[in-house]
Amino acid sequence: MNQEEIRRTVLENIRKYLPASRRTRPVCNEHNLYLDLNLSPLDVNNVLCSIEGRLNLGLKDEDSGRMRTIGDVVDYISSLASGRVIR
């Protein structure tokens, strides 16, 4: 799975948790999950768990707290999928 496919998967999962008024507006890698997209920590955790199950990856609980932007999530998932971990 390449970076663009991972980005699409991440966005697909994030959109499920966005407020209805935000779902149709464009998002970019720089958008903050909490401030720009109004996701709660529970929403972010659910997004990560969904991606983890879909891609059969092992995400670490302590790493989920470091995710602030869409780009952070995409980079982290990409690193796991390629076998290297960003710290």
Protein backbone atom coordinates (compact mmCIF):
# COMPACT_ATOMS: atom_id res chain seq x y z
CA MET A 1 0.00 0.00 0.00
CA ASN A 2 1.50 3.31 -1.04
CA GLN A 3 1.30 6.64 0.79
CA GLU A 4 -1.63 7.92 -1.29
CA GLU A 5 -3.67 4.77 -0.62
CA ILE A 6 -2.92 5.12 3.07
CA ARG A 7 -3.96 8.79 2.97
CA ARG A 8 -7.26 7.83 1.33
CA THR A 9 -7.85 5.17 3.99
CA VAL A 10 -7.07 7.64 6.77
CA LEU A 11 -9.39 10.30 5.30
CA GLU A 12 -12.15 7.76 4.74
CA ASN A 13 -12.00 6.79 8.42
CA ILE A 14 -11.70 10.35 9.70
CA ARG A 15 -14.74 11.49 7.69
CA LYS A 16 -16.91 9.00 9.62
CA TYR A 17 -16.26 10.98 12.80
CA LEU A 18 -16.49 14.52 11.42
CA PRO A 19 -19.51 16.65 12.24
CA ALA A 20 -21.98 16.55 9.32
CA SER A 21 -21.25 20.17 8.46
CA ARG A 22 -17.54 19.38 8.02
CA ARG A 23 -17.75 16.14 5.97
CA THR A 24 -18.01 17.77 2.56
CA ARG A 25 -15.30 20.38 3.07
CA PRO A 26 -11.77 19.61 1.86
CA VAL A 27 -9.12 18.52 4.33
CA CYS A 28 -5.36 18.53 4.03
CA ASN A 29 -2.43 16.93 5.84
CA GLU A 30 -1.86 20.07 7.89
CA HIS A 31 -5.34 20.06 9.44
CA ASN A 32 -5.23 19.51 13.19
CA LEU A 33 -7.44 16.61 14.23
CA TYR A 34 -8.65 18.43 17.33
CA LEU A 35 -8.61 22.13 16.49
CA ASP A 36 -9.49 22.14 12.79
CA LEU A 37 -11.63 19.01 12.56
CA ASN A 38 -13.17 19.13 16.04
CA LEU A 39 -12.47 15.47 16.76
CA SER A 40 -12.38 14.29 20.35
CA PRO A 41 -9.54 12.10 21.69
CA LEU A 42 -12.03 9.20 21.61
CA ASP A 43 -12.80 9.92 17.94
CA VAL A 44 -9.09 9.89 17.10
CA ASN A 45 -8.63 6.63 18.99
CA ASN A 46 -11.58 5.10 17.10
CA VAL A 47 -10.13 6.25 13.78
CA LEU A 48 -6.78 4.66 14.62
CA CYS A 49 -8.40 1.41 15.82
CA SER A 50 -10.42 1.20 12.62
CA ILE A 51 -7.31 1.71 10.48
CA GLU A 52 -5.38 -0.76 12.62
CA GLY A 53 -8.02 -3.44 12.01
CA ARG A 54 -8.44 -2.69 8.33
CA LEU A 55 -4.71 -2.75 7.57
CA ASN A 56 -3.84 -5.42 10.14
CA LEU A 57 -1.25 -3.23 11.88
CA GLY A 58 -0.19 -3.08 15.51
CA LEU A 59 -0.47 0.50 16.72
CA LYS A 60 0.90 1.34 20.15
CA ASP A 61 -1.43 3.12 22.55
CA GLU A 62 1.24 5.62 23.56
CA ASP A 63 1.79 6.60 19.93
CA SER A 64 -1.84 7.60 19.40
CA GLY A 65 -1.37 10.58 21.73
CA ARG A 66 1.27 12.00 19.41
CA MET A 67 -1.08 12.27 16.45
CA ARG A 68 -2.05 15.91 15.97
CA THR A 69 -2.59 16.30 12.22
CA ILE A 70 -3.84 14.19 9.36
CA GLY A 71 -0.24 14.15 8.10
CA ASP A 72 0.95 12.72 11.44
CA VAL A 73 -1.52 9.85 11.09
CA VAL A 74 -0.61 9.20 7.45
CA ASP A 75 3.14 9.25 8.19
CA TYR A 76 2.74 6.97 11.21
CA ILE A 77 0.56 4.43 9.38
CA SER A 78 2.95 4.54 6.39
CA SER A 79 5.91 3.86 8.66
CA LEU A 80 4.15 0.88 10.24
CA ALA A 81 3.05 -0.48 6.89
CA SER A 82 6.59 -0.28 5.55
CA GLY A 83 8.07 -1.88 8.66
CA ARG A 84 9.81 1.20 10.02
CA VAL A 85 8.54 3.13 13.02
CA ILE A 86 8.77 6.90 13.40
CA ARG A 87 9.61 7.97 16.96
